[in-house]
Amino acid sequence: MTERNILARRFEAERPRLHAIATRLLGSAADADDAVQEAWLRLERSDTAAIENLAAWLTTVISRISLDMLRAPRRTREHCWQAETWRDEPIAIEADPADLIARSDRISAALLTLLELLSPAERIAFVLHDVFGQSFTEVAAVLDRSPEAARQLASRARRRLRGAEAPARPGRARGRRIIDAWLTAAQDGDLTELLALLDDGAVLHADYGNSTQTITGARAIAAQAVVSGRLAEHSTPILIDGRPGVAAIMNGRVVSIMAFDIDGDRITGLSVLADRERLPDLNAVLEV
């Protein structure tokens, strides 16, 4: 067996742990995949004979890659399409954030929203120390700061998370009622019911990847919903960045998702994502 094959086997043994770290730091399985792949490329280019502790080396590398990705400007420009299956009960944000992160390989949309309140350095310090039990000396090596500075970052992150409030969202029961009514009306082609659900000034934004579309006004949006009635027949309620939404599933594949902005009992906005390049990861999330 060649040295490269041996190295690849050792890396594969570490892959699940590295992916878990990156997922919790980045809040995205797709971004975590990219980070792990970059970690492997860096390992291939390194002098492995000089690496005394491969696990520790890889932890530092995956953390630094994640830090660079968190600092990338694109993360602040993209709309959040964090999707999850519908749960009747909201997540208890008042619980210890570190415990919430540690329970799942995929960070919930509600908790991810709170983590976005942290700077990249605070996020790295908090997740590595509070969730993965890394020492502040190890965290400091990732951040290129002193252990005391890393300790202060984690402490500040902890205070900010515990003192933060989740963004206001419509109640789950009310949101589900409106979603179910929307799907039924769209399937039946019931223009009157669709208009009753929509605010007069509602706006729909759609992203198809290579093009976008904006539809303004309740009547125009309702007419489009009637035309898209077949998609409604194959749609299931989901949560998108904590908002009520639906996923259209055709031939075992998610083809589009739509998030709803709701004020009172009226839909004020709809955001549609039908970009094939950004949808595949939802298949695993929704267990399609």
Protein backbone atom coordinates (compact mmCIF):
# COMPACT_ATOMS: atom_id res chain seq x y z
CA MET A 1 0.00 0.00 0.00
CA THR A 2 1.39 3.40 -0.98
CA GLU A 3 1.97 6.22 1.49
CA ARG A 4 -0.80 8.23 -0.17
CA ASN A 5 -3.27 5.38 0.32
CA ILE A 6 -2.31 5.11 3.98
CA LEU A 7 -2.76 8.87 4.37
CA ALA A 8 -6.14 8.70 2.63
CA ARG A 9 -7.30 5.96 4.99
CA ARG A 10 -6.25 7.97 8.03
CA PHE A 11 -8.05 11.01 6.65
CA GLU A 12 -11.23 9.02 5.96
CA ALA A 13 -11.20 7.86 9.57
CA GLU A 14 -11.19 11.52 10.62
CA ARG A 15 -13.71 12.68 8.02
CA PRO A 16 -16.94 12.26 10.11
CA ARG A 17 -15.45 14.28 12.96
CA LEU A 18 -14.14 16.99 10.64
CA HIS A 19 -17.49 17.21 8.88
CA ALA A 20 -19.28 17.56 12.23
CA ILE A 21 -16.98 20.40 13.26
CA ALA A 22 -17.38 22.24 9.96
CA THR A 23 -21.15 21.75 9.92
CA ARG A 24 -21.54 23.24 13.36
CA LEU A 25 -19.22 26.12 12.58
CA LEU A 26 -20.73 26.93 9.20
CA GLY A 27 -24.34 25.82 9.69
CA SER A 28 -24.40 24.18 6.25
CA ALA A 29 -23.69 20.60 5.21
CA ALA A 30 -22.78 21.79 1.70
CA ASP A 31 -20.23 24.30 3.03
CA ALA A 32 -18.92 21.61 5.39
CA ASP A 33 -18.35 19.28 2.41
CA ASP A 34 -16.30 22.00 0.72
CA ALA A 35 -14.30 22.65 3.90
CA VAL A 36 -13.49 18.95 4.38
CA GLN A 37 -12.39 18.61 0.76
CA GLU A 38 -10.11 21.64 1.16
CA ALA A 39 -8.67 20.08 4.34
CA TRP A 40 -7.74 16.96 2.35
CA LEU A 41 -6.08 19.03 -0.37
CA ARG A 42 -4.02 20.88 2.23
CA LEU A 43 -3.02 17.60 3.84
CA GLU A 44 -1.86 16.25 0.47
CA ARG A 45 0.31 19.32 -0.04
CA SER A 46 1.84 19.17 3.45
CA ASP A 47 4.94 17.50 4.80
CA THR A 48 3.10 14.75 6.66
CA ALA A 49 6.31 13.48 8.25
CA ALA A 50 6.39 16.67 10.29
CA ILE A 51 2.82 16.21 11.61
CA GLU A 52 3.06 14.68 15.08
CA ASN A 53 -0.69 14.50 15.82
CA LEU A 54 -2.80 14.17 12.67
CA ALA A 55 -6.15 14.56 14.46
CA ALA A 56 -5.08 17.79 16.16
CA TRP A 57 -3.53 19.09 12.92
CA LEU A 58 -6.72 18.42 10.97
CA THR A 59 -8.86 20.04 13.67
CA THR A 60 -6.81 23.22 13.38
CA VAL A 61 -6.93 23.14 9.58
CA ILE A 62 -10.70 22.55 9.30
CA SER A 63 -11.30 25.30 11.85
CA ARG A 64 -9.13 27.79 9.96
CA ILE A 65 -10.82 26.91 6.67
CA SER A 66 -14.21 27.43 8.31
CA LEU A 67 -13.03 30.76 9.73
CA ASP A 68 -12.00 31.92 6.26
CA MET A 69 -15.39 30.86 4.88
CA LEU A 70 -17.23 32.68 7.67
CA ARG A 71 -15.30 35.84 6.86
CA ALA A 72 -16.01 35.60 3.12
CA PRO A 73 -18.20 38.51 1.91
CA ARG A 74 -20.53 36.16 -0.02
CA ARG A 75 -21.95 34.79 3.24
CA THR A 76 -23.40 38.20 4.05
CA ARG A 77 -24.86 38.67 0.58
CA GLU A 78 -26.75 35.42 0.17
CA HIS A 79 -30.34 35.02 1.31
CA CYS A 80 -30.66 32.33 3.95
CA TRP A 81 -32.41 29.19 2.65
CA GLN A 82 -31.79 27.00 5.71
CA ALA A 83 -34.56 24.38 5.43
CA GLU A 84 -35.80 21.84 7.94
CA THR A 85 -38.73 19.50 8.34
CA TRP A 86 -41.79 20.96 10.03
CA ARG A 87 -41.96 20.55 13.78
CA ASP A 88 -45.09 21.46 15.70
CA GLU A 89 -43.10 22.65 18.71
CA PRO A 90 -40.62 25.56 18.39
CA ILE A 91 -37.03 25.10 19.49
CA ALA A 92 -36.36 26.22 23.05
CA ILE A 93 -33.89 29.02 22.45
CA GLU A 94 -33.55 29.65 26.18
CA ALA A 95 -31.80 26.28 26.50
CA ASP A 96 -28.00 26.19 26.50
CA PRO A 97 -26.98 26.96 22.88
CA ALA A 98 -23.98 24.64 23.16
CA ASP A 99 -26.28 21.74 24.07
CA LEU A 100 -28.56 22.52 21.14
CA ILE A 101 -25.65 22.52 18.69
CA ALA A 102 -24.17 19.32 20.12
CA ARG A 103 -27.39 17.34 19.64
CA SER A 104 -27.48 17.45 15.85
CA ASP A 105 -25.11 17.38 12.89
CA ARG A 106 -27.33 20.03 11.25
CA ILE A 107 -27.82 23.26 13.19
CA SER A 108 -31.47 24.29 13.39
CA ALA A 109 -32.50 27.42 11.50
CA ALA A 110 -33.52 29.18 14.71
CA LEU A 111 -30.17 28.57 16.38
CA LEU A 112 -28.27 29.40 13.19
CA THR A 113 -30.01 32.77 13.18
CA LEU A 114 -28.65 33.41 16.66
CA LEU A 115 -25.16 32.25 15.72
CA GLU A 116 -25.16 34.85 12.93
CA LEU A 117 -25.13 37.46 15.71
CA LEU A 118 -21.58 36.41 16.53
CA SER A 119 -18.42 37.55 14.79
CA PRO A 120 -16.49 34.75 13.03
CA ALA A 121 -13.89 34.70 15.81
CA GLU A 122 -16.57 34.50 18.53
CA ARG A 123 -18.32 31.71 16.67
CA ILE A 124 -15.11 29.69 16.29
CA ALA A 125 -14.16 30.14 19.95
CA PHE A 126 -17.64 29.24 21.21
CA VAL A 127 -18.21 26.15 19.05
CA LEU A 128 -14.70 24.71 19.37
CA HIS A 129 -14.53 25.16 23.15
CA ASP A 130 -18.14 24.81 24.35
CA VAL A 131 -19.26 22.13 21.91
CA PHE A 132 -16.11 20.17 21.05
CA GLY A 133 -14.18 20.72 24.27
CA GLN A 134 -11.07 22.14 22.63
CA SER A 135 -8.73 23.88 25.07
CA PHE A 136 -8.32 27.63 24.79
CA THR A 137 -4.71 27.00 23.81
CA GLU A 138 -5.96 25.00 20.80
CA VAL A 139 -8.62 27.60 19.98
CA ALA A 140 -5.98 30.34 20.22
CA ALA A 141 -3.85 28.53 17.64
CA VAL A 142 -6.76 28.60 15.18
CA LEU A 143 -7.52 32.27 15.75
CA ASP A 144 -3.89 33.36 16.04
CA ARG A 145 -4.60 34.99 19.39
CA SER A 146 -3.61 34.38 22.98
CA PRO A 147 -5.44 31.74 25.06
CA GLU A 148 -6.83 34.51 27.27
CA ALA A 149 -8.20 36.33 24.23
CA ALA A 150 -9.81 33.08 23.03
CA ARG A 151 -11.37 32.63 26.47
CA GLN A 152 -12.81 36.15 26.34
CA LEU A 153 -14.23 35.54 22.85
CA ALA A 154 -16.02 32.37 23.98
CA SER A 155 -17.32 34.11 27.10
CA ARG A 156 -18.63 37.05 25.09
CA ALA A 157 -20.27 34.71 22.58
CA ARG A 158 -21.96 32.82 25.41
CA ARG A 159 -23.39 36.01 26.89
CA ARG A 160 -24.61 37.27 23.54
CA LEU A 161 -26.33 34.01 22.66
CA ARG A 162 -28.05 33.64 26.02
CA GLY A 163 -29.18 37.25 25.99
CA ALA A 164 -30.43 37.19 22.42
CA GLU A 165 -33.99 36.70 21.33
CA ALA A 166 -35.05 34.63 18.36
CA PRO A 167 -36.50 36.69 15.49
CA ALA A 168 -40.23 37.15 15.67
CA ARG A 169 -42.04 34.51 13.63
CA PRO A 170 -45.72 33.72 13.25
CA GLY A 171 -46.98 31.06 15.66
CA ARG A 172 -46.43 27.54 14.35
CA ALA A 173 -50.13 26.64 14.56
CA ARG A 174 -51.21 29.81 12.72
CA GLY A 175 -48.45 29.47 10.15
CA ARG A 176 -49.37 25.84 9.47
CA ARG A 177 -53.06 26.74 9.10
CA ILE A 178 -52.23 29.40 6.51
CA ILE A 179 -49.83 27.09 4.65
CA ASP A 180 -52.40 24.30 4.51
CA ALA A 181 -55.08 26.72 3.31
CA TRP A 182 -52.73 28.05 0.61
CA LEU A 183 -51.91 24.58 -0.71
CA THR A 184 -55.57 23.53 -0.74
CA ALA A 185 -56.66 26.69 -2.55
CA ALA A 186 -53.85 26.40 -5.10
CA GLN A 187 -54.67 22.75 -5.80
CA ASP A 188 -58.37 23.55 -6.22
CA GLY A 189 -57.70 26.64 -8.31
CA ASP A 190 -59.74 28.65 -5.78
CA LEU A 191 -58.87 32.23 -6.71
CA THR A 192 -61.25 33.70 -4.11
CA GLU A 193 -59.62 31.79 -1.24
CA LEU A 194 -56.12 32.67 -2.44
CA LEU A 195 -57.06 36.36 -2.52
CA ALA A 196 -58.44 36.05 1.01
CA LEU A 197 -55.07 34.73 2.19
CA LEU A 198 -52.96 37.40 0.46
CA ASP A 199 -52.33 40.97 1.54
CA ASP A 200 -53.22 43.42 -1.25
CA GLY A 201 -49.63 44.64 -1.42
CA ALA A 202 -48.02 41.20 -1.26
CA VAL A 203 -44.84 40.66 -3.29
CA LEU A 204 -43.41 37.40 -4.66
CA HIS A 205 -39.71 37.11 -5.47
CA ALA A 206 -38.49 34.03 -7.36
CA ASP A 207 -34.90 32.92 -8.00
CA TYR A 208 -34.46 30.40 -10.81
CA GLY A 209 -30.67 30.54 -10.85
CA ASN A 210 -30.20 32.02 -14.32
CA SER A 211 -33.14 34.42 -13.96
CA THR A 212 -35.36 36.07 -11.36
CA GLN A 213 -38.98 37.14 -11.25
CA THR A 214 -40.95 39.61 -9.12
CA ILE A 215 -44.75 39.59 -8.97
CA THR A 216 -46.54 42.40 -7.12
CA GLY A 217 -50.12 42.45 -5.89
CA ALA A 218 -52.50 39.82 -4.51
CA ARG A 219 -54.38 39.21 -7.74
CA ALA A 220 -51.29 38.61 -9.86
CA ILE A 221 -49.78 36.28 -7.25
CA ALA A 222 -53.04 34.35 -6.84
CA ALA A 223 -53.30 33.90 -10.62
CA GLN A 224 -49.74 32.52 -10.68
CA ALA A 225 -50.59 30.13 -7.84
CA VAL A 226 -53.53 28.76 -9.81
CA VAL A 227 -51.28 28.18 -12.83
CA SER A 228 -48.81 26.36 -10.54
CA GLY A 229 -51.51 24.22 -8.95
CA ARG A 230 -49.78 20.97 -9.95
CA LEU A 231 -46.75 21.93 -7.86
CA ALA A 232 -49.03 22.51 -4.88
CA GLU A 233 -50.32 18.94 -5.23
CA HIS A 234 -46.79 17.68 -4.68
CA SER A 235 -45.79 20.14 -1.94
CA THR A 236 -45.17 19.56 1.75
CA PRO A 237 -44.91 22.11 4.60
CA ILE A 238 -41.38 22.89 5.81
CA LEU A 239 -39.58 25.61 7.73
CA ILE A 240 -37.18 27.92 5.89
CA ASP A 241 -34.94 30.03 8.10
CA GLY A 242 -37.64 29.59 10.73
CA ARG A 243 -40.38 30.86 8.40
CA PRO A 244 -43.37 28.80 7.26
CA GLY A 245 -42.75 27.37 3.82
CA VAL A 246 -43.37 24.57 1.38
CA ALA A 247 -41.19 22.27 -0.72
CA ALA A 248 -42.39 21.01 -4.10
CA ILE A 249 -41.19 17.45 -4.70
CA MET A 250 -41.44 15.89 -8.16
CA ASN A 251 -40.12 12.42 -9.07
CA GLY A 252 -38.36 12.11 -5.73
CA ARG A 253 -36.50 15.43 -6.05
CA VAL A 254 -37.07 18.85 -4.50
CA VAL A 255 -37.68 21.19 -7.45
CA SER A 256 -38.53 24.36 -5.56
CA ILE A 257 -39.12 25.78 -2.10
CA MET A 258 -41.18 28.79 -1.09
CA ALA A 259 -40.99 30.78 2.17
CA PHE A 260 -43.93 32.86 3.41
CA ASP A 261 -43.88 36.18 5.26
CA ILE A 262 -47.06 36.43 7.32
CA ASP A 263 -48.55 39.42 9.15
CA GLY A 264 -51.62 38.57 11.18
CA ASP A 265 -53.64 36.24 8.97
CA ARG A 266 -52.38 37.56 5.66
CA ILE A 267 -49.44 36.56 3.48
CA THR A 268 -47.37 39.68 2.77
CA GLY A 269 -44.45 38.14 0.93
CA LEU A 270 -43.33 34.94 -0.78
CA SER A 271 -39.74 33.97 -1.62
CA VAL A 272 -39.22 31.16 -4.13
CA LEU A 273 -35.98 29.27 -4.77
CA ALA A 274 -35.94 27.05 -7.87
CA ASP A 275 -32.22 27.13 -8.64
CA ARG A 276 -31.12 23.54 -9.31
CA GLU A 277 -27.57 24.33 -8.22
CA ARG A 278 -28.73 25.23 -4.70
CA LEU A 279 -31.57 22.76 -4.16
CA PRO A 280 -29.98 19.26 -4.11
CA ASP A 281 -28.84 19.51 -0.48
CA LEU A 282 -32.47 19.81 0.60
CA ASN A 283 -33.19 16.26 -0.54
CA ALA A 284 -31.31 14.79 2.41
CA VAL A 285 -32.71 17.38 4.83
CA LEU A 286 -36.29 16.56 3.86
CA GLU A 287 -35.59 12.81 3.54
CA VAL A 288 -36.84 12.72 -0.05
